[in-house]
Amino acid sequence: MKCVFLAAGYATRLYPLTENFPKPLLEVAGKPILDWLIDDMNQTGLIDEYIVISNHKFAKIFEDWSTGRYTILDDGTTSNENRLGAVKDIQFAIEQLQLDDDLLVMAGDNLLDFSLGGFIRYAKEKHATCVMRYYEADEARLHKTGVAEIDADGRILSMEEKPAQPKSHWCVPAFYYYTREDAHLIKKGIESGCGTDAPGSFIAWLCGQTNVYAWEMPGHRYDIGNLQSYEAVKKTFSKIG
């Protein structure tokens, strides 16, 4: 199984910290955000390659951090205005590396206080593409994320990114397990007109084509979106670490 990190954004809300430095490599409690995620997944023994999709501006910085341990892909973009978007970046990686495997895909700027091992086991038991989900009581926050309708078996009935009228309180963060077969449908999804900026847009299309399941998170996700949230995460993980 390959693990793909979406790290081609420009994180303008974190300026000046990220004006010339990629957000996924910001340090939290003594190590970069990506290292927290990789250290957790290394414990599963299921990942045989880590792939980081970067933009052209930050690719060299990722290569220096990687020191040859991971595959760094430069998508060639240079600004928010010409970025590919998350879904097209995933397809870019599939085409460039000729990927033909199950894929664990995630945003490179989120941290978790639980292991992803449970999520991977759930996906393998379902033999299907899976996402993670958490309950969000605050309706205002539902307008800013992916929201899914879920049946009693955990199957996604429908999903929408940043809905004007949310159909449930189940939020879907940017952590996805694609089966090999469904990863090959990303190109078809793009050609069919699914959104390409938010990574959940492909899931919203895919759940209309095949079964997609949602695993309920046993802990918390920490989204580092601005300077305030970054400072809060550093305090939280200084206690965890």
Protein backbone atom coordinates (compact mmCIF):
# COMPACT_ATOMS: atom_id res chain seq x y z
CA MET A 1 0.00 0.00 0.00
CA LYS A 2 1.19 3.49 -0.86
CA CYS A 3 0.64 6.54 1.32
CA VAL A 4 0.10 9.82 -0.52
CA PHE A 5 0.37 13.17 1.26
CA LEU A 6 -1.38 16.17 -0.25
CA ALA A 7 1.13 18.96 0.35
CA ALA A 8 0.90 21.25 -2.69
CA GLY A 9 -0.97 24.09 -1.00
CA TYR A 10 0.41 27.53 -0.14
CA ALA A 11 -1.07 28.04 3.35
CA THR A 12 -1.55 31.79 2.97
CA ARG A 13 -3.48 32.00 6.25
CA LEU A 14 -0.30 31.04 8.09
CA TYR A 15 1.86 33.82 6.65
CA PRO A 16 4.55 34.80 7.46
CA LEU A 17 5.46 31.29 8.74
CA THR A 18 4.58 29.62 5.45
CA GLU A 19 5.47 32.35 3.00
CA ASN A 20 8.70 30.54 2.16
CA PHE A 21 8.21 27.24 3.99
CA PRO A 22 5.66 24.41 3.58
CA LYS A 23 3.04 23.98 6.28
CA PRO A 24 3.39 20.16 6.53
CA LEU A 25 6.97 20.62 7.72
CA LEU A 26 6.18 23.09 10.49
CA GLU A 27 7.35 21.67 13.80
CA VAL A 28 4.95 20.52 16.48
CA ALA A 29 6.44 19.34 19.77
CA GLY A 30 9.90 18.87 18.29
CA LYS A 31 9.19 17.29 14.90
CA PRO A 32 7.52 18.17 11.59
CA ILE A 33 3.81 17.48 11.13
CA LEU A 34 4.53 14.88 8.45
CA ASP A 35 6.88 13.00 10.77
CA TRP A 36 4.09 12.59 13.32
CA LEU A 37 1.89 10.96 10.67
CA ILE A 38 4.67 8.82 9.20
CA ASP A 39 5.87 7.60 12.62
CA ASP A 40 2.34 6.41 13.37
CA MET A 41 1.90 4.61 10.05
CA ASN A 42 5.32 2.98 10.25
CA GLN A 43 3.99 1.08 13.26
CA THR A 44 1.36 -0.63 11.07
CA GLY A 45 4.03 -2.15 8.81
CA LEU A 46 1.61 -1.82 5.87
CA ILE A 47 3.07 1.14 3.95
CA ASP A 48 5.79 0.33 1.42
CA GLU A 49 6.18 3.85 -0.01
CA TYR A 50 5.46 7.38 1.14
CA ILE A 51 4.72 9.94 -1.59
CA VAL A 52 4.57 13.68 -0.97
CA ILE A 53 2.91 15.82 -3.65
CA SER A 54 4.40 19.31 -3.49
CA ASN A 55 4.20 22.44 -5.58
CA HIS A 56 7.25 23.79 -7.39
CA LYS A 57 7.86 26.48 -4.79
CA PHE A 58 8.45 24.01 -1.94
CA ALA A 59 9.60 20.82 -3.66
CA LYS A 60 13.30 21.37 -2.86
CA ILE A 61 12.51 21.91 0.82
CA PHE A 62 10.61 18.61 0.92
CA GLU A 63 13.50 16.86 -0.85
CA ASP A 64 15.97 18.19 1.74
CA TRP A 65 13.71 16.98 4.56
CA SER A 66 13.21 13.59 2.92
CA THR A 67 16.93 12.85 2.42
CA GLY A 68 15.92 10.15 -0.05
CA ARG A 69 13.57 8.33 2.30
CA TYR A 70 10.37 9.29 0.50
CA THR A 71 9.17 10.06 -3.02
CA ILE A 72 8.72 13.79 -3.60
CA LEU A 73 6.61 14.89 -6.58
CA ASP A 74 6.66 18.44 -7.93
CA ASP A 75 3.31 19.21 -9.58
CA GLY A 76 4.82 22.24 -11.30
CA THR A 77 2.46 24.85 -9.84
CA THR A 78 3.70 28.10 -8.34
CA SER A 79 0.74 29.86 -6.72
CA ASN A 80 -2.84 29.53 -5.51
CA GLU A 81 -3.97 30.85 -8.86
CA ASN A 82 -2.51 28.01 -10.94
CA ARG A 83 -2.66 25.13 -8.44
CA LEU A 84 -4.06 21.83 -9.70
CA GLY A 85 -6.33 21.08 -6.77
CA ALA A 86 -6.22 17.99 -4.56
CA VAL A 87 -8.06 15.56 -6.85
CA LYS A 88 -5.93 16.41 -9.88
CA ASP A 89 -2.80 16.14 -7.71
CA ILE A 90 -3.76 12.58 -6.78
CA GLN A 91 -4.29 11.71 -10.43
CA PHE A 92 -0.96 13.40 -11.24
CA ALA A 93 0.78 11.07 -8.77
CA ILE A 94 -0.98 7.99 -10.19
CA GLU A 95 0.11 8.88 -13.71
CA GLN A 96 3.65 9.99 -12.90
CA LEU A 97 4.45 6.96 -10.74
CA GLN A 98 2.16 4.49 -12.54
CA LEU A 99 0.58 3.59 -9.21
CA ASP A 100 -1.39 0.36 -9.18
CA ASP A 101 -2.03 -0.29 -5.51
CA ASP A 102 -4.34 0.55 -2.63
CA LEU A 103 -3.74 4.17 -1.61
CA LEU A 104 -3.90 5.86 1.77
CA VAL A 105 -4.35 9.55 0.91
CA MET A 106 -4.34 12.39 3.41
CA ALA A 107 -3.78 16.07 3.91
CA GLY A 108 -0.27 16.80 5.11
CA ASP A 109 -1.34 19.48 7.57
CA ASN A 110 -3.57 17.56 10.01
CA LEU A 111 -2.61 15.78 13.21
CA LEU A 112 -4.44 13.04 15.13
CA ASP A 113 -4.39 11.92 18.76
CA PHE A 114 -5.15 8.31 17.73
CA SER A 115 -3.51 5.81 15.40
CA LEU A 116 -4.50 5.37 11.76
CA GLY A 117 -4.02 1.62 12.22
CA GLY A 118 -7.68 1.21 13.15
CA PHE A 119 -8.79 3.04 10.03
CA ILE A 120 -6.66 0.83 7.78
CA ARG A 121 -7.99 -2.35 9.45
CA TYR A 122 -11.56 -1.12 8.99
CA ALA A 123 -11.00 -0.48 5.28
CA LYS A 124 -9.45 -3.90 4.75
CA GLU A 125 -12.39 -5.55 6.52
CA LYS A 126 -14.84 -3.68 4.28
CA HIS A 127 -12.83 -4.42 1.11
CA ALA A 128 -13.89 -0.97 -0.07
CA THR A 129 -12.84 2.64 -0.30
CA CYS A 130 -13.30 4.28 3.10
CA VAL A 131 -13.16 7.69 4.75
CA MET A 132 -13.05 8.84 8.35
CA ARG A 133 -15.91 10.70 10.01
CA TYR A 134 -16.63 12.64 13.18
CA TYR A 135 -19.77 14.18 14.62
CA GLU A 136 -19.95 17.97 14.47
CA ALA A 137 -22.68 19.61 16.55
CA ASP A 138 -21.89 23.17 15.43
CA GLU A 139 -23.93 23.80 12.29
CA ALA A 140 -21.78 26.76 11.26
CA ARG A 141 -18.77 24.45 10.94
CA LEU A 142 -20.70 22.05 8.72
CA HIS A 143 -20.69 24.66 5.96
CA LYS A 144 -16.89 24.58 5.82
CA THR A 145 -16.17 20.87 5.36
CA GLY A 146 -17.33 17.68 3.67
CA VAL A 147 -20.59 16.34 5.12
CA ALA A 148 -21.90 12.81 4.53
CA GLU A 149 -25.14 10.93 5.06
CA ILE A 150 -24.36 7.52 6.58
CA ASP A 151 -26.51 4.38 6.85
CA ALA A 152 -26.55 1.95 9.78
CA ASP A 153 -23.71 -0.09 8.27
CA GLY A 154 -21.43 2.94 7.84
CA ARG A 155 -22.01 3.21 4.09
CA ILE A 156 -22.06 6.71 2.63
CA LEU A 157 -25.42 7.48 1.02
CA SER A 158 -24.34 10.92 -0.20
CA MET A 159 -21.60 13.45 0.46
CA GLU A 160 -21.17 17.14 -0.29
CA GLU A 161 -18.25 19.52 0.18
CA LYS A 162 -19.12 22.74 2.05
CA PRO A 163 -22.89 22.28 1.76
CA ALA A 164 -25.26 25.24 2.00
CA GLN A 165 -27.79 22.94 3.67
CA PRO A 166 -25.99 20.07 5.46
CA LYS A 167 -27.88 16.77 5.40
CA SER A 168 -26.23 15.38 8.54
CA HIS A 169 -23.73 16.17 11.27
CA TRP A 170 -21.11 13.69 10.01
CA CYS A 171 -18.00 15.52 8.84
CA VAL A 172 -15.38 13.90 6.61
CA PRO A 173 -11.79 15.11 7.07
CA ALA A 174 -9.09 14.64 4.44
CA PHE A 175 -8.10 11.04 5.25
CA TYR A 176 -9.01 8.47 2.60
CA TYR A 177 -8.36 4.82 1.84
CA TYR A 178 -8.80 4.11 -1.88
CA THR A 179 -8.89 0.54 -3.12
CA ARG A 180 -6.69 -0.09 -6.14
CA GLU A 181 -9.78 -0.41 -8.33
CA ASP A 182 -11.36 2.85 -7.13
CA ALA A 183 -8.09 4.79 -7.43
CA HIS A 184 -8.24 4.03 -11.15
CA LEU A 185 -11.64 5.76 -11.27
CA ILE A 186 -10.23 9.18 -10.32
CA LYS A 187 -9.58 10.05 -13.96
CA LYS A 188 -13.16 9.10 -14.84
CA GLY A 189 -14.44 11.21 -11.94
CA ILE A 190 -12.53 14.25 -13.18
CA GLU A 191 -13.78 13.71 -16.72
CA SER A 192 -17.33 13.37 -15.37
CA GLY A 193 -17.10 16.79 -13.78
CA CYS A 194 -16.47 16.06 -10.11
CA GLY A 195 -14.87 18.94 -8.21
CA THR A 196 -11.08 18.90 -8.13
CA ASP A 197 -10.08 21.46 -5.49
CA ALA A 198 -11.27 19.72 -2.29
CA PRO A 199 -10.14 16.07 -2.04
CA GLY A 200 -13.55 14.98 -0.79
CA SER A 201 -15.12 15.98 -4.11
CA PHE A 202 -14.02 12.69 -5.63
CA ILE A 203 -15.56 10.74 -2.74
CA ALA A 204 -18.81 12.66 -3.28
CA TRP A 205 -18.81 11.40 -6.88
CA LEU A 206 -17.51 7.91 -6.09
CA CYS A 207 -20.20 7.04 -3.54
CA GLY A 208 -22.70 7.32 -6.40
CA GLN A 209 -20.75 4.69 -8.35
CA THR A 210 -19.85 2.10 -5.70
CA ASN A 211 -19.95 1.41 -1.96
CA VAL A 212 -17.86 3.78 0.17
CA TYR A 213 -17.77 3.42 3.96
CA ALA A 214 -17.03 5.84 6.81
CA TRP A 215 -15.12 4.87 9.95
CA GLU A 216 -15.99 6.84 13.08
CA MET A 217 -12.87 8.41 14.55
CA PRO A 218 -12.04 7.31 18.11
CA GLY A 219 -10.28 10.58 18.92
CA HIS A 220 -9.63 14.06 17.66
CA ARG A 221 -8.22 15.58 14.49
CA TYR A 222 -6.29 18.84 14.70
CA ASP A 223 -6.54 20.99 11.56
CA ILE A 224 -3.73 23.53 11.36
CA GLY A 225 -5.43 26.26 9.38
CA ASN A 226 -4.15 29.51 10.86
CA LEU A 227 -1.65 30.89 13.36
CA GLN A 228 -4.06 30.52 16.29
CA SER A 229 -4.77 26.84 15.59
CA TYR A 230 -1.07 26.18 15.07
CA GLU A 231 -0.22 27.58 18.49
CA ALA A 232 -3.03 25.56 20.07
CA VAL A 233 -1.82 22.32 18.44
CA LYS A 234 1.73 22.91 19.64
CA LYS A 235 0.49 23.22 23.21
CA THR A 236 -1.68 20.10 22.93
CA PHE A 237 1.06 17.91 21.42
CA SER A 238 3.71 19.12 23.84
CA LYS A 239 1.64 17.28 26.47
CA ILE A 240 1.00 14.22 24.26
CA GLY A 241 4.62 13.94 23.20
